[in-house]
């Protein structure tokens, strides 16, 4: 799962090396950009705020098997 992929610099590599890829992007313009330029599907790219994400809806079991932290751009003060 990638949070805030932006223009997909890291996304491009991730989608070629993982079996099940998901990304959450809050910026609607970036969502459209990623769909057009990287060909991400509606199942792979979730528009919205990751802090409001229903993990049970997005993932079959509501859990993530692997979460890679590749860069920190934001500091979340209220994580659930």
N, C-alpha and C. Protein backbone atom coordinates (compact mmCIF):
# COMPACT_ATOMS: atom_id res chain seq x y z
N UNK A 1 0.85 -1.17 0.00
CA UNK A 1 0.00 0.00 0.00
C UNK A 1 0.89 1.23 0.00
N UNK A 2 0.60 2.12 -0.92
CA UNK A 2 1.33 3.38 -0.99
C UNK A 2 0.37 4.51 -0.63
N UNK A 3 0.82 5.37 0.26
CA UNK A 3 0.01 6.50 0.68
C UNK A 3 0.56 7.76 0.02
N UNK A 4 -0.30 8.45 -0.73
CA UNK A 4 0.10 9.68 -1.40
C UNK A 4 1.12 9.47 -2.49
N UNK A 5 0.79 8.71 -3.53
CA UNK A 5 1.76 8.43 -4.58
C UNK A 5 2.14 9.61 -5.46
N UNK A 6 1.40 10.71 -5.38
CA UNK A 6 1.74 11.87 -6.21
C UNK A 6 1.72 11.51 -7.69
N UNK A 7 2.82 11.79 -8.39
CA UNK A 7 2.88 11.48 -9.82
C UNK A 7 3.39 10.07 -10.10
N UNK A 8 3.62 9.29 -9.08
CA UNK A 8 3.92 7.87 -9.27
C UNK A 8 5.37 7.49 -9.46
N UNK A 9 6.30 8.31 -8.99
CA UNK A 9 7.72 7.98 -9.15
C UNK A 9 8.06 6.64 -8.51
N UNK A 10 7.56 6.39 -7.33
CA UNK A 10 7.79 5.12 -6.63
C UNK A 10 6.76 4.09 -7.08
N UNK A 11 5.56 4.53 -7.35
CA UNK A 11 4.46 3.65 -7.75
C UNK A 11 4.83 2.79 -8.95
N UNK A 12 5.46 3.39 -9.91
CA UNK A 12 5.83 2.68 -11.14
C UNK A 12 6.64 1.42 -10.82
N UNK A 13 7.58 1.53 -9.89
CA UNK A 13 8.38 0.36 -9.50
C UNK A 13 7.58 -0.62 -8.66
N UNK A 14 6.77 -0.12 -7.76
CA UNK A 14 6.00 -1.00 -6.88
C UNK A 14 5.03 -1.90 -7.64
N UNK A 15 4.31 -1.35 -8.59
CA UNK A 15 3.29 -2.15 -9.28
C UNK A 15 3.90 -3.30 -10.07
N UNK A 16 5.17 -3.20 -10.39
CA UNK A 16 5.84 -4.27 -11.12
C UNK A 16 6.48 -5.31 -10.21
N UNK A 17 6.46 -5.08 -8.89
CA UNK A 17 7.14 -6.00 -7.98
C UNK A 17 6.26 -6.58 -6.88
N UNK A 18 5.00 -6.23 -6.85
CA UNK A 18 4.11 -6.79 -5.83
C UNK A 18 2.91 -7.43 -6.49
N UNK A 19 2.35 -8.43 -5.81
CA UNK A 19 1.21 -9.14 -6.38
C UNK A 19 -0.08 -8.33 -6.28
N UNK A 20 -0.30 -7.71 -5.12
CA UNK A 20 -1.52 -6.92 -4.91
C UNK A 20 -1.11 -5.52 -4.48
N UNK A 21 -1.36 -4.55 -5.35
CA UNK A 21 -0.96 -3.17 -5.08
C UNK A 21 -2.18 -2.30 -4.83
N UNK A 22 -2.08 -1.45 -3.80
CA UNK A 22 -3.10 -0.45 -3.52
C UNK A 22 -2.40 0.87 -3.22
N UNK A 23 -3.01 1.96 -3.65
CA UNK A 23 -2.51 3.29 -3.34
C UNK A 23 -3.69 4.16 -2.94
N UNK A 24 -3.46 5.06 -2.00
CA UNK A 24 -4.48 6.01 -1.56
C UNK A 24 -3.96 7.41 -1.86
N UNK A 25 -4.73 8.17 -2.62
CA UNK A 25 -4.33 9.53 -3.01
C UNK A 25 -5.48 10.49 -2.76
N UNK A 26 -5.21 11.57 -2.02
CA UNK A 26 -6.24 12.55 -1.68
C UNK A 26 -6.48 13.58 -2.78
N UNK A 27 -5.47 13.86 -3.57
CA UNK A 27 -5.57 14.89 -4.61
C UNK A 27 -6.25 14.33 -5.86
N UNK A 28 -7.41 14.88 -6.19
CA UNK A 28 -8.19 14.37 -7.34
C UNK A 28 -7.44 14.50 -8.66
N UNK A 29 -6.67 15.57 -8.81
CA UNK A 29 -5.89 15.74 -10.04
C UNK A 29 -4.83 14.65 -10.17
N UNK A 30 -4.20 14.29 -9.05
CA UNK A 30 -3.19 13.23 -9.07
C UNK A 30 -3.83 11.87 -9.33
N UNK A 31 -5.04 11.65 -8.82
CA UNK A 31 -5.75 10.40 -9.08
C UNK A 31 -5.96 10.24 -10.58
N UNK A 32 -6.43 11.28 -11.22
CA UNK A 32 -6.66 11.23 -12.67
C UNK A 32 -5.34 11.05 -13.43
N UNK A 33 -4.30 11.75 -12.99
CA UNK A 33 -2.99 11.63 -13.61
C UNK A 33 -2.48 10.19 -13.54
N UNK A 34 -2.58 9.57 -12.37
CA UNK A 34 -2.10 8.19 -12.19
C UNK A 34 -2.89 7.20 -13.02
N UNK A 35 -4.17 7.42 -13.12
CA UNK A 35 -5.00 6.52 -13.94
C UNK A 35 -4.62 6.63 -15.41
N UNK A 36 -4.37 7.84 -15.86
CA UNK A 36 -4.04 8.05 -17.28
C UNK A 36 -2.61 7.63 -17.62
N UNK A 37 -1.66 7.98 -16.76
CA UNK A 37 -0.25 7.77 -17.10
C UNK A 37 0.31 6.42 -16.65
N UNK A 38 -0.22 5.84 -15.58
CA UNK A 38 0.28 4.55 -15.11
C UNK A 38 -0.73 3.43 -15.34
N UNK A 39 -1.94 3.79 -15.74
CA UNK A 39 -2.95 2.78 -16.01
C UNK A 39 -3.47 2.08 -14.77
N UNK A 40 -3.42 2.76 -13.63
CA UNK A 40 -3.93 2.15 -12.40
C UNK A 40 -5.44 1.99 -12.48
N UNK A 41 -5.93 0.88 -11.98
CA UNK A 41 -7.36 0.58 -12.01
C UNK A 41 -8.06 1.16 -10.79
N UNK A 42 -9.38 1.14 -10.81
CA UNK A 42 -10.16 1.61 -9.66
C UNK A 42 -9.88 0.76 -8.43
N UNK A 43 -9.54 -0.50 -8.63
CA UNK A 43 -9.22 -1.39 -7.52
C UNK A 43 -7.85 -1.07 -6.92
N UNK A 44 -6.93 -0.59 -7.74
CA UNK A 44 -5.58 -0.29 -7.27
C UNK A 44 -5.45 1.10 -6.66
N UNK A 45 -6.18 2.05 -7.17
CA UNK A 45 -6.03 3.45 -6.76
C UNK A 45 -7.30 3.92 -6.07
N UNK A 46 -7.17 4.24 -4.79
CA UNK A 46 -8.31 4.64 -3.98
C UNK A 46 -8.23 6.14 -3.73
N UNK A 47 -9.19 6.91 -4.25
CA UNK A 47 -9.18 8.35 -3.98
C UNK A 47 -9.69 8.62 -2.57
N UNK A 48 -9.03 9.54 -1.87
CA UNK A 48 -9.51 9.93 -0.55
C UNK A 48 -8.42 10.05 0.48
N UNK A 49 -8.85 10.31 1.70
CA UNK A 49 -7.99 10.52 2.86
C UNK A 49 -7.71 9.18 3.53
N UNK A 50 -6.45 8.81 3.64
CA UNK A 50 -6.09 7.52 4.23
C UNK A 50 -6.54 7.41 5.69
N UNK A 51 -6.65 8.53 6.39
CA UNK A 51 -7.09 8.50 7.78
C UNK A 51 -8.57 8.17 7.91
N UNK A 52 -9.32 8.28 6.82
CA UNK A 52 -10.74 7.96 6.82
C UNK A 52 -11.03 6.64 6.07
N UNK A 53 -9.98 5.95 5.68
CA UNK A 53 -10.11 4.74 4.87
C UNK A 53 -10.70 3.58 5.68
N UNK A 54 -11.67 2.91 5.10
CA UNK A 54 -12.25 1.71 5.69
C UNK A 54 -11.44 0.51 5.19
N UNK A 55 -10.49 0.07 5.99
CA UNK A 55 -9.60 -1.01 5.58
C UNK A 55 -10.34 -2.32 5.35
N UNK A 56 -11.45 -2.54 6.04
CA UNK A 56 -12.24 -3.75 5.82
C UNK A 56 -12.86 -3.77 4.42
N UNK A 57 -13.17 -2.60 3.89
CA UNK A 57 -13.73 -2.51 2.55
C UNK A 57 -12.65 -2.67 1.49
N UNK A 58 -11.50 -2.09 1.74
CA UNK A 58 -10.41 -2.07 0.76
C UNK A 58 -9.66 -3.40 0.69
N UNK A 59 -9.45 -4.01 1.83
CA UNK A 59 -8.72 -5.28 1.89
C UNK A 59 -9.68 -6.37 2.34
N UNK A 60 -9.58 -7.53 1.75
CA UNK A 60 -10.50 -8.63 2.04
C UNK A 60 -10.62 -8.91 3.53
N UNK A 61 -9.52 -8.94 4.23
CA UNK A 61 -9.55 -9.27 5.65
C UNK A 61 -9.42 -8.05 6.54
N UNK A 62 -9.29 -6.87 5.95
CA UNK A 62 -9.12 -5.66 6.73
C UNK A 62 -7.70 -5.46 7.22
N UNK A 63 -6.77 -6.28 6.73
CA UNK A 63 -5.38 -6.14 7.17
C UNK A 63 -4.44 -6.01 5.98
N UNK A 64 -3.29 -5.47 6.28
CA UNK A 64 -2.25 -5.28 5.27
C UNK A 64 -1.12 -6.24 5.61
N UNK A 65 -0.66 -6.99 4.63
CA UNK A 65 0.44 -7.93 4.86
C UNK A 65 1.80 -7.23 4.83
N UNK A 66 1.92 -6.19 4.04
CA UNK A 66 3.20 -5.48 3.96
C UNK A 66 2.93 -4.01 3.68
N UNK A 67 3.58 -3.17 4.47
CA UNK A 67 3.49 -1.73 4.26
C UNK A 67 4.92 -1.20 4.25
N UNK A 68 5.34 -0.72 3.10
CA UNK A 68 6.69 -0.20 2.96
C UNK A 68 6.67 1.30 3.13
N UNK A 69 7.55 1.80 3.96
CA UNK A 69 7.69 3.24 4.14
C UNK A 69 8.92 3.67 3.36
N UNK A 70 8.70 4.34 2.25
CA UNK A 70 9.80 4.70 1.36
C UNK A 70 10.24 6.15 1.53
N UNK A 71 9.33 7.01 1.91
CA UNK A 71 9.70 8.39 2.21
C UNK A 71 8.62 8.98 3.10
N UNK A 72 9.02 9.88 3.95
CA UNK A 72 8.06 10.53 4.84
C UNK A 72 7.92 11.98 4.40
N UNK A 73 6.72 12.33 3.96
CA UNK A 73 6.47 13.70 3.55
C UNK A 73 5.51 14.40 4.50
N UNK A 74 4.75 13.63 5.25
CA UNK A 74 3.74 14.20 6.14
C UNK A 74 3.85 13.55 7.50
N UNK A 75 3.46 14.29 8.53
CA UNK A 75 3.44 13.76 9.88
C UNK A 75 1.99 13.66 10.32
N UNK A 76 1.52 12.45 10.58
CA UNK A 76 0.15 12.24 11.01
C UNK A 76 0.10 12.26 12.53
N UNK A 77 -0.70 13.15 13.09
CA UNK A 77 -0.77 13.26 14.54
C UNK A 77 -1.88 12.41 15.13
N UNK A 78 -2.82 11.96 14.31
CA UNK A 78 -3.95 11.18 14.82
C UNK A 78 -4.14 9.95 13.94
N UNK A 79 -3.45 8.88 14.28
CA UNK A 79 -3.56 7.65 13.50
C UNK A 79 -4.36 6.62 14.27
N UNK A 80 -5.19 5.87 13.56
CA UNK A 80 -6.03 4.85 14.19
C UNK A 80 -5.64 3.50 13.69
